[in-house]
PDB file of N, CA and C in Angstrom:
ATOM      1  N   UNK A   1     103.161 131.510  81.723  1.00  0.00           N
ATOM      2  CA  UNK A   1     102.643 130.171  81.507  1.00  0.00           C
ATOM      3  C   UNK A   1     103.165 129.209  82.569  1.00  0.00           C
ATOM      4  N   UNK A   2     104.345 129.481  83.080  1.00  0.00           N
ATOM      5  CA  UNK A   2     104.930 128.626  84.107  1.00  0.00           C
ATOM      6  C   UNK A   2     104.120 128.673  85.402  1.00  0.00           C
ATOM      7  N   UNK A   3     103.470 129.804  85.671  1.00  0.00           N
ATOM      8  CA  UNK A   3     102.674 129.938  86.887  1.00  0.00           C
ATOM      9  C   UNK A   3     101.486 128.982  86.887  1.00  0.00           C
ATOM     10  N   UNK A   4     100.921 128.709  85.717  1.00  0.00           N
ATOM     11  CA  UNK A   4      99.775 127.807  85.642  1.00  0.00           C
ATOM     12  C   UNK A   4     100.169 126.390  86.023  1.00  0.00           C
ATOM     13  N   UNK A   5     101.364 125.961  85.617  1.00  0.00           N
ATOM     14  CA  UNK A   5     101.819 124.615  85.971  1.00  0.00           C
ATOM     15  C   UNK A   5     102.001 124.509  87.479  1.00  0.00           C
ATOM     16  N   UNK A   6     102.593 125.525  88.059  1.00  0.00           N
ATOM     17  CA  UNK A   6     102.784 125.524  89.509  1.00  0.00           C
ATOM     18  C   UNK A   6     101.466 125.553  90.258  1.00  0.00           C
ATOM     19  N   UNK A   7     100.510 126.314  89.742  1.00  0.00           N
ATOM     20  CA  UNK A   7      99.196 126.394  90.371  1.00  0.00           C
ATOM     21  C   UNK A   7      98.484 125.049  90.305  1.00  0.00           C
ATOM     22  N   UNK A   8      98.569 124.388  89.156  1.00  0.00           N
ATOM     23  CA  UNK A   8      97.923 123.077  89.013  1.00  0.00           C
ATOM     24  C   UNK A   8      98.556 122.064  89.954  1.00  0.00           C
ATOM     25  N   UNK A   9      99.878 122.094  90.076  1.00  0.00           N
ATOM     26  CA  UNK A   9     100.568 121.184  90.979  1.00  0.00           C
ATOM     27  C   UNK A   9     100.197 121.480  92.423  1.00  0.00           C
ATOM     28  N   UNK A  10     100.138 122.753  92.765  1.00  0.00           N
ATOM     29  CA  UNK A  10      99.782 123.131  94.132  1.00  0.00           C
ATOM     30  C   UNK A  10      98.358 122.693  94.466  1.00  0.00           C
ATOM     31  N   UNK A  11      97.444 122.833  93.513  1.00  0.00           N
ATOM     32  CA  UNK A  11      96.065 122.402  93.746  1.00  0.00           C
ATOM     33  C   UNK A  11      95.993 120.891  93.924  1.00  0.00           C
ATOM     34  N   UNK A  12      96.779 120.154  93.136  1.00  0.00           N
ATOM     35  CA  UNK A  12      96.785 118.699  93.255  1.00  0.00           C
ATOM     36  C   UNK A  12      97.340 118.271  94.605  1.00  0.00           C
ATOM     37  N   UNK A  13      98.400 118.927  95.055  1.00  0.00           N
ATOM     38  CA  UNK A  13      98.995 118.593  96.349  1.00  0.00           C
ATOM     39  C   UNK A  13      98.037 118.945  97.475  1.00  0.00           C
ATOM     40  N   UNK A  14      97.336 120.067  97.369  1.00  0.00           N
ATOM     41  CA  UNK A  14      96.386 120.444  98.406  1.00  0.00           C
ATOM     42  C   UNK A  14      95.236 119.450  98.475  1.00  0.00           C
ATOM     43  N   UNK A  15      94.833 118.906  97.343  1.00  0.00           N
ATOM     44  CA  UNK A  15      93.772 117.902  97.365  1.00  0.00           C
ATOM     45  C   UNK A  15      94.247 116.641  98.070  1.00  0.00           C
ATOM     46  N   UNK A  16      95.498 116.268  97.853  1.00  0.00           N
ATOM     47  CA  UNK A  16      96.023 115.049  98.452  1.00  0.00           C
ATOM     48  C   UNK A  16      96.304 115.216  99.943  1.00  0.00           C
ATOM     49  N   UNK A  17      96.704 116.395 100.360  1.00  0.00           N
ATOM     50  CA  UNK A  17      97.106 116.634 101.744  1.00  0.00           C
ATOM     51  C   UNK A  17      96.213 117.684 102.378  1.00  0.00           C
ATOM     52  N   UNK A  18      94.974 117.402 102.484  1.00  0.00           N
ATOM     53  CA  UNK A  18      94.037 118.364 103.044  1.00  0.00           C
ATOM     54  C   UNK A  18      94.084 118.377 104.556  1.00  0.00           C
ATOM     55  N   UNK A  19      93.236 119.179 105.171  1.00  0.00           N
ATOM     56  CA  UNK A  19      93.227 119.284 106.626  1.00  0.00           C
ATOM     57  C   UNK A  19      92.661 118.040 107.309  1.00  0.00           C
ATOM     58  N   UNK A  20      92.140 117.097 106.553  1.00  0.00           N
ATOM     59  CA  UNK A  20      91.543 115.905 107.153  1.00  0.00           C
ATOM     60  C   UNK A  20      92.584 114.923 107.667  1.00  0.00           C
ATOM     61  N   UNK A  21      93.847 115.094 107.307  1.00  0.00           N
ATOM     62  CA  UNK A  21      94.910 114.235 107.815  1.00  0.00           C
ATOM     63  C   UNK A  21      94.891 112.860 107.173  1.00  0.00           C
ATOM     64  N   UNK A  22      94.738 111.827 107.995  1.00  0.00           N
ATOM     65  CA  UNK A  22      94.790 110.448 107.519  1.00  0.00           C
ATOM     66  C   UNK A  22      93.636 110.107 106.576  1.00  0.00           C
ATOM     67  N   UNK A  23      92.497 110.750 106.757  1.00  0.00           N
ATOM     68  CA  UNK A  23      91.368 110.474 105.864  1.00  0.00           C
ATOM     69  C   UNK A  23      91.685 110.868 104.435  1.00  0.00           C
ATOM     70  N   UNK A  24      92.507 111.898 104.266  1.00  0.00           N
ATOM     71  CA  UNK A  24      92.814 112.350 102.910  1.00  0.00           C
ATOM     72  C   UNK A  24      93.662 111.337 102.156  1.00  0.00           C
ATOM     73  N   UNK A  25      94.323 110.431 102.868  1.00  0.00           N
ATOM     74  CA  UNK A  25      95.087 109.381 102.201  1.00  0.00           C
ATOM     75  C   UNK A  25      94.169 108.308 101.624  1.00  0.00           C
ATOM     76  N   UNK A  26      92.969 108.215 102.140  1.00  0.00           N
ATOM     77  CA  UNK A  26      92.035 107.196 101.660  1.00  0.00           C
ATOM     78  C   UNK A  26      91.437 107.566 100.309  1.00  0.00           C
ATOM     79  N   UNK A  27      91.358 108.852 100.020  1.00  0.00           N
ATOM     80  CA  UNK A  27      90.734 109.283  98.760  1.00  0.00           C
ATOM     81  C   UNK A  27      91.505 108.768  97.544  1.00  0.00           C
ATOM     82  N   UNK A  28      92.829 108.956  97.452  1.00  0.00           N
ATOM     83  CA  UNK A  28      93.545 108.401  96.290  1.00  0.00           C
ATOM     84  C   UNK A  28      93.482 106.874  96.247  1.00  0.00           C
ATOM     85  N   UNK A  29      93.478 106.240  97.424  1.00  0.00           N
ATOM     86  CA  UNK A  29      93.390 104.777  97.466  1.00  0.00           C
ATOM     87  C   UNK A  29      92.077 104.295  96.860  1.00  0.00           C
ATOM     88  N   UNK A  30      90.977 104.913  97.244  1.00  0.00           N
ATOM     89  CA  UNK A  30      89.668 104.514  96.717  1.00  0.00           C
ATOM     90  C   UNK A  30      89.584 104.813  95.223  1.00  0.00           C
ATOM     91  N   UNK A  31      90.091 105.976  94.802  1.00  0.00           N
ATOM     92  CA  UNK A  31      90.055 106.328  93.381  1.00  0.00           C
ATOM     93  C   UNK A  31      90.825 105.315  92.539  1.00  0.00           C
ATOM     94  N   UNK A  32      92.028 104.957  92.987  1.00  0.00           N
ATOM     95  CA  UNK A  32      92.837 104.009  92.224  1.00  0.00           C
ATOM     96  C   UNK A  32      92.251 102.603  92.269  1.00  0.00           C
ATOM     97  N   UNK A  33      91.694 102.218  93.404  1.00  0.00           N
ATOM     98  CA  UNK A  33      91.079 100.894  93.499  1.00  0.00           C
ATOM     99  C   UNK A  33      89.903 100.773  92.535  1.00  0.00           C
ATOM    100  N   UNK A  34      89.080 101.798  92.476  1.00  0.00           N
ATOM    101  CA  UNK A  34      87.937 101.779  91.555  1.00  0.00           C
ATOM    102  C   UNK A  34      88.419 101.746  90.105  1.00  0.00           C
ATOM    103  N   UNK A  35      89.460 102.502  89.794  1.00  0.00           N
ATOM    104  CA  UNK A  35      89.991 102.506  88.422  1.00  0.00           C
ATOM    105  C   UNK A  35      90.539 101.131  88.041  1.00  0.00           C
ATOM    106  N   UNK A  36      91.319 100.523  88.937  1.00  0.00           N
ATOM    107  CA  UNK A  36      91.874  99.201  88.647  1.00  0.00           C
ATOM    108  C   UNK A  36      90.775  98.148  88.549  1.00  0.00           C
ATOM    109  N   UNK A  37      89.809  98.202  89.448  1.00  0.00           N
ATOM    110  CA  UNK A  37      88.716  97.227  89.416  1.00  0.00           C
ATOM    111  C   UNK A  37      87.886  97.375  88.145  1.00  0.00           C
ATOM    112  N   UNK A  38      87.720  98.595  87.688  1.00  0.00           N
ATOM    113  CA  UNK A  38      86.972  98.828  86.454  1.00  0.00           C
ATOM    114  C   UNK A  38      87.672  98.185  85.265  1.00  0.00           C
ATOM    115  N   UNK A  39      88.972  98.366  85.183  1.00  0.00           N
ATOM    116  CA  UNK A  39      89.738  97.774  84.081  1.00  0.00           C
ATOM    117  C   UNK A  39      89.677  96.250  84.147  1.00  0.00           C
ATOM    118  N   UNK A  40      89.851  95.688  85.341  1.00  0.00           N
ATOM    119  CA  UNK A  40      89.814  94.234  85.475  1.00  0.00           C
ATOM    120  C   UNK A  40      88.425  93.667  85.187  1.00  0.00           C
ATOM    121  N   UNK A  41      87.382  94.382  85.563  1.00  0.00           N
ATOM    122  CA  UNK A  41      86.020  93.922  85.285  1.00  0.00           C
ATOM    123  C   UNK A  41      85.729  93.943  83.789  1.00  0.00           C
ATOM    124  N   UNK A  42      86.158  94.990  83.108  1.00  0.00           N
ATOM    125  CA  UNK A  42      85.970  95.058  81.654  1.00  0.00           C
ATOM    126  C   UNK A  42      86.768  93.955  80.966  1.00  0.00           C
ATOM    127  N   UNK A  43      87.955  93.662  81.477  1.00  0.00           N
ATOM    128  CA  UNK A  43      88.755  92.569  80.932  1.00  0.00           C
ATOM    129  C   UNK A  43      88.038  91.231  81.116  1.00  0.00           C
ATOM    130  N   UNK A  44      87.448  91.013  82.283  1.00  0.00           N
ATOM    131  CA  UNK A  44      86.709  89.770  82.536  1.00  0.00           C
ATOM    132  C   UNK A  44      85.492  89.656  81.620  1.00  0.00           C
ATOM    133  N   UNK A  45      84.791  90.752  81.420  1.00  0.00           N
ATOM    134  CA  UNK A  45      83.635  90.741  80.511  1.00  0.00           C
ATOM    135  C   UNK A  45      84.083  90.426  79.085  1.00  0.00           C
ATOM    136  N   UNK A  46      85.218  90.973  78.683  1.00  0.00           N
ATOM    137  CA  UNK A  46      85.740  90.711  77.332  1.00  0.00           C
ATOM    138  C   UNK A  46      86.080  89.237  77.150  1.00  0.00           C
ATOM    139  N   UNK A  47      86.713  88.630  78.158  1.00  0.00           N
ATOM    140  CA  UNK A  47      87.026  87.204  78.075  1.00  0.00           C
ATOM    141  C   UNK A  47      85.749  86.362  78.012  1.00  0.00           C
ATOM    142  N   UNK A  48      84.754  86.745  78.788  1.00  0.00           N
ATOM    143  CA  UNK A  48      83.491  86.003  78.789  1.00  0.00           C
ATOM    144  C   UNK A  48      82.805  86.093  77.431  1.00  0.00           C
ATOM    145  N   UNK A  49      82.794  87.265  76.839  1.00  0.00           N
ATOM    146  CA  UNK A  49      82.181  87.449  75.517  1.00  0.00           C
ATOM    147  C   UNK A  49      82.964  86.679  74.450  1.00  0.00           C
ATOM    148  N   UNK A  50      84.295  86.689  74.547  1.00  0.00           N
ATOM    149  CA  UNK A  50      85.125  85.936  73.602  1.00  0.00           C
ATOM    150  C   UNK A  50      84.806  84.446  73.694  1.00  0.00           C
ATOM    151  N   UNK A  51      84.690  83.950  74.921  1.00  0.00           N
ATOM    152  CA  UNK A  51      84.376  82.532  75.118  1.00  0.00           C
ATOM    153  C   UNK A  51      82.982  82.207  74.591  1.00  0.00           C
ATOM    154  N   UNK A  52      82.035  83.110  74.802  1.00  0.00           N
ATOM    155  CA  UNK A  52      80.668  82.886  74.327  1.00  0.00           C
ATOM    156  C   UNK A  52      80.604  82.851  72.803  1.00  0.00           C
ATOM    157  N   UNK A  53      81.468  83.599  72.145  1.00  0.00           N
ATOM    158  CA  UNK A  53      81.485  83.606  70.679  1.00  0.00           C
ATOM    159  C   UNK A  53      82.212  82.379  70.138  1.00  0.00           C
ATOM    160  N   UNK A  54      83.343  82.019  70.756  1.00  0.00           N
ATOM    161  CA  UNK A  54      84.141  80.900  70.246  1.00  0.00           C
ATOM    162  C   UNK A  54      83.564  79.538  70.624  1.00  0.00           C
ATOM    163  N   UNK A  55      82.963  79.430  71.791  1.00  0.00           N
ATOM    164  CA  UNK A  55      82.389  78.169  72.271  1.00  0.00           C
ATOM    165  C   UNK A  55      80.939  78.390  72.700  1.00  0.00           C
ATOM    166  N   UNK A  56      80.036  78.639  71.767  1.00  0.00           N
ATOM    167  CA  UNK A  56      78.664  79.003  72.158  1.00  0.00           C
ATOM    168  C   UNK A  56      77.896  77.887  72.873  1.00  0.00           C
ATOM    169  N   UNK A  57      78.204  76.628  72.574  1.00  0.00           N
ATOM    170  CA  UNK A  57      77.471  75.535  73.216  1.00  0.00           C
ATOM    171  C   UNK A  57      77.946  75.276  74.647  1.00  0.00           C
ATOM    172  N   UNK A  58      79.201  75.575  74.937  1.00  0.00           N
ATOM    173  CA  UNK A  58      79.741  75.363  76.283  1.00  0.00           C
ATOM    174  C   UNK A  58      79.559  76.578  77.185  1.00  0.00           C
ATOM    175  N   UNK A  59      79.308  77.718  76.600  1.00  0.00           N
ATOM    176  CA  UNK A  59      79.272  78.964  77.377  1.00  0.00           C
ATOM    177  C   UNK A  59      78.178  78.955  78.436  1.00  0.00           C
ATOM    178  N   UNK A  60      77.053  78.329  78.151  1.00  0.00           N
ATOM    179  CA  UNK A  60      75.960  78.286  79.120  1.00  0.00           C
ATOM    180  C   UNK A  60      76.306  77.502  80.370  1.00  0.00           C
ATOM    181  N   UNK A  61      77.171  76.502  80.234  1.00  0.00           N
ATOM    182  CA  UNK A  61      77.566  75.693  81.383  1.00  0.00           C
ATOM    183  C   UNK A  61      78.737  76.311  82.144  1.00  0.00           C
ATOM    184  N   UNK A  62      79.608  76.982  81.424  1.00  0.00           N
ATOM    185  CA  UNK A  62      80.813  77.541  82.046  1.00  0.00           C
ATOM    186  C   UNK A  62      80.549  78.913  82.647  1.00  0.00           C
ATOM    187  N   UNK A  63      79.808  79.747  81.966  1.00  0.00           N
ATOM    188  CA  UNK A  63      79.562  81.124  82.406  1.00  0.00           C
ATOM    189  C   UNK A  63      78.287  81.179  83.243  1.00  0.00           C
ATOM    190  N   UNK A  64      78.444  80.989  84.549  1.00  0.00           N
ATOM    191  CA  UNK A  64      77.298  81.000  85.456  1.00  0.00           C
ATOM    192  C   UNK A  64      77.314  82.264  86.310  1.00  0.00           C
ATOM    193  N   UNK A  65      76.209  82.521  86.996  1.00  0.00           N
ATOM    194  CA  UNK A  65      76.131  83.698  87.865  1.00  0.00           C
ATOM    195  C   UNK A  65      77.106  83.583  89.033  1.00  0.00           C
ATOM    196  N   UNK A  66      77.258  82.389  89.566  1.00  0.00           N
ATOM    197  CA  UNK A  66      78.187  82.190  90.680  1.00  0.00           C
ATOM    198  C   UNK A  66      79.616  82.475  90.248  1.00  0.00           C
ATOM    199  N   UNK A  67      79.986  81.973  89.082  1.00  0.00           N
ATOM    200  CA  UNK A  67      81.341  82.208  88.580  1.00  0.00           C
ATOM    201  C   UNK A  67      81.557  83.687  88.281  1.00  0.00           C
ATOM    202  N   UNK A  68      80.546  84.356  87.743  1.00  0.00           N
ATOM    203  CA  UNK A  68      80.657  85.794  87.469  1.00  0.00           C
ATOM    204  C   UNK A  68      80.841  86.574  88.766  1.00  0.00           C
ATOM    205  N   UNK A  69      80.100  86.199  89.808  1.00  0.00           N
ATOM    206  CA  UNK A  69      80.241  86.856  91.105  1.00  0.00           C
ATOM    207  C   UNK A  69      81.635  86.638  91.682  1.00  0.00           C
ATOM    208  N   UNK A  70      82.145  85.420  91.573  1.00  0.00           N
ATOM    209  CA  UNK A  70      83.490  85.132  92.074  1.00  0.00           C
ATOM    210  C   UNK A  70      84.558  85.896  91.295  1.00  0.00           C
ATOM    211  N   UNK A  71      84.381  86.010  89.993  1.00  0.00           N
ATOM    212  CA  UNK A  71      85.349  86.748  89.178  1.00  0.00           C
ATOM    213  C   UNK A  71      85.321  88.233  89.522  1.00  0.00           C
ATOM    214  N   UNK A  72      84.132  88.789  89.738  1.00  0.00           N
ATOM    215  CA  UNK A  72      84.037  90.202  90.147  1.00  0.00           C
ATOM    216  C   UNK A  72      84.682  90.419  91.510  1.00  0.00           C
ATOM    217  N   UNK A  73      84.430  89.505  92.431  1.00  0.00           N
ATOM    218  CA  UNK A  73      85.048  89.595  93.755  1.00  0.00           C
ATOM    219  C   UNK A  73      86.567  89.494  93.651  1.00  0.00           C
ATOM    220  N   UNK A  74      87.047  88.597  92.797  1.00  0.00           N
ATOM    221  CA  UNK A  74      88.491  88.463  92.590  1.00  0.00           C
ATOM    222  C   UNK A  74      89.076  89.723  91.957  1.00  0.00           C
ATOM    223  N   UNK A  75      88.357  90.326  91.024  1.00  0.00           N
ATOM    224  CA  UNK A  75      88.842  91.560  90.386  1.00  0.00           C
ATOM    225  C   UNK A  75      88.981  92.675  91.412  1.00  0.00           C
ATOM    226  N   UNK A  76      87.988  92.838  92.281  1.00  0.00           N
ATOM    227  CA  UNK A  76      88.059  93.880  93.309  1.00  0.00           C
ATOM    228  C   UNK A  76      89.157  93.580  94.327  1.00  0.00           C
ATOM    229  N   UNK A  77      89.348  92.305  94.665  1.00  0.00           N
ATOM    230  CA  UNK A  77      90.404  91.938  95.612  1.00  0.00           C
ATOM    231  C   UNK A  77      91.779  92.218  95.022  1.00  0.00           C
ATOM    232  N   UNK A  78      91.993  91.808  93.788  1.00  0.00           N
ATOM    233  CA  UNK A  78      93.278  92.070  93.120  1.00  0.00           C
ATOM    234  C   UNK A  78      93.509  93.569  92.986  1.00  0.00           C
ATOM    235  N   UNK A  79      92.472  94.312  92.647  1.00  0.00           N
ATOM    236  CA  UNK A  79      92.601  95.769  92.521  1.00  0.00           C
ATOM    237  C   UNK A  79      92.985  96.396  93.853  1.00  0.00           C
ATOM    238  N   UNK A  80      92.366  95.953  94.934  1.00  0.00           N
ATOM    239  CA  UNK A  80      92.689  96.504  96.258  1.00  0.00           C
ATOM    240  C   UNK A  80      94.110  96.149  96.675  1.00  0.00           C
ATOM    241  N   UNK A  81      94.546  94.933  96.376  1.00  0.00           N
ATOM    242  CA  UNK A  81      95.912  94.526  96.733  1.00  0.00           C
ATOM    243  C   UNK A  81      96.934  95.317  95.930  1.00  0.00           C
ATOM    244  N   UNK A  82      96.726  95.422  94.619  1.00  0.00           N
ATOM    245  CA  UNK A  82      97.671  96.174  93.791  1.00  0.00           C
ATOM    246  C   UNK A  82      97.727  97.644  94.194  1.00  0.00           C
ATOM    247  N   UNK A  83      96.575  98.210  94.489  1.00  0.00           N
ATOM    248  CA  UNK A  83      96.541  99.615  94.886  1.00  0.00           C
ATOM    249  C   UNK A  83      97.183  99.814  96.243  1.00  0.00           C
ATOM    250  N   UNK A  84      96.961  98.891  97.171  1.00  0.00           N
ATOM    251  CA  UNK A  84      97.565  99.047  98.493  1.00  0.00           C
ATOM    252  C   UNK A  84      99.082  98.931  98.417  1.00  0.00           C
ATOM    253  N   UNK A  85      99.583  98.044  97.554  1.00  0.00           N
ATOM    254  CA  UNK A  85     101.039  97.957  97.373  1.00  0.00           C
ATOM    255  C   UNK A  85     101.590  99.250  96.789  1.00  0.00           C
ATOM    256  N   UNK A  86     100.912  99.756  95.771  1.00  0.00           N
ATOM    257  CA  UNK A  86     101.361 100.995  95.149  1.00  0.00           C
ATOM    258  C   UNK A  86     101.243 102.162  96.122  1.00  0.00           C
ATOM    259  N   UNK A  87     100.168 102.184  96.890  1.00  0.00           N
ATOM    260  CA  UNK A  87      99.932 103.270  97.848  1.00  0.00           C
ATOM    261  C   UNK A  87     100.935 103.206  99.003  1.00  0.00           C
ATOM    262  N   UNK A  88     101.344 101.996  99.387  1.00  0.00           N
ATOM    263  CA  UNK A  88     102.293 101.825 100.487  1.00  0.00           C
ATOM    264  C   UNK A  88     103.674 102.338 100.116  1.00  0.00           C
ATOM    265  N   UNK A  89     104.103 102.070  98.890  1.00  0.00           N
ATOM    266  CA  UNK A  89     105.458 102.419  98.494  1.00  0.00           C
ATOM    267  C   UNK A  89     105.565 103.765  97.791  1.00  0.00           C
ATOM    268  N   UNK A  90     104.512 104.545  97.783  1.00  0.00           N
ATOM    269  CA  UNK A  90     104.535 105.877  97.194  1.00  0.00           C
ATOM    270  C   UNK A  90     104.677 106.906  98.297  1.00  0.00           C
ATOM    271  N   UNK A  91     105.631 107.804  98.124  1.00  0.00           N
ATOM    272  CA  UNK A  91     105.861 108.864  99.101  1.00  0.00           C
ATOM    273  C   UNK A  91     105.481 110.185  98.451  1.00  0.00           C
ATOM    274  N   UNK A  92     104.635 110.938  99.126  1.00  0.00           N
ATOM    275  CA  UNK A  92     104.210 112.237  98.621  1.00  0.00           C
ATOM    276  C   UNK A  92     105.110 113.302  99.226  1.00  0.00           C
ATOM    277  N   UNK A  93     105.842 113.999  98.383  1.00  0.00           N
ATOM    278  CA  UNK A  93     106.743 115.058  98.839  1.00  0.00           C
ATOM    279  C   UNK A  93     106.048 116.401  98.711  1.00  0.00           C
ATOM    280  N   UNK A  94     105.960 117.120  99.799  1.00  0.00           N
ATOM    281  CA  UNK A  94     105.365 118.447  99.802  1.00  0.00           C
ATOM    282  C   UNK A  94     106.423 119.419 100.301  1.00  0.00           C
ATOM    283  N   UNK A  95     106.685 120.438  99.491  1.00  0.00           N
ATOM    284  CA  UNK A  95     107.703 121.407  99.913  1.00  0.00           C
ATOM    285  C   UNK A  95     107.070 122.704 100.347  1.00  0.00           C
TER     286      UNK A  95
END
């Protein structure tokens, strides 16, 4: 059973450190950025829905397409910054 754990770890390391070199470092960055942006976007949608339920008369004036676009852009920017910080300070050890 111990061999399966080692095999899974070896496969994960090979995916991260493929023959593509520097390009292979971009794959985890993009994956994590998309994951973080997805969570932040769902959080923004939840806040918007909460506001629409609690303040239904004001929601039409506050929740506009421009504001939604800016919030989505901010979510992706924050996700990219957080991921780049995490990606910068993470060291992959391969033995």
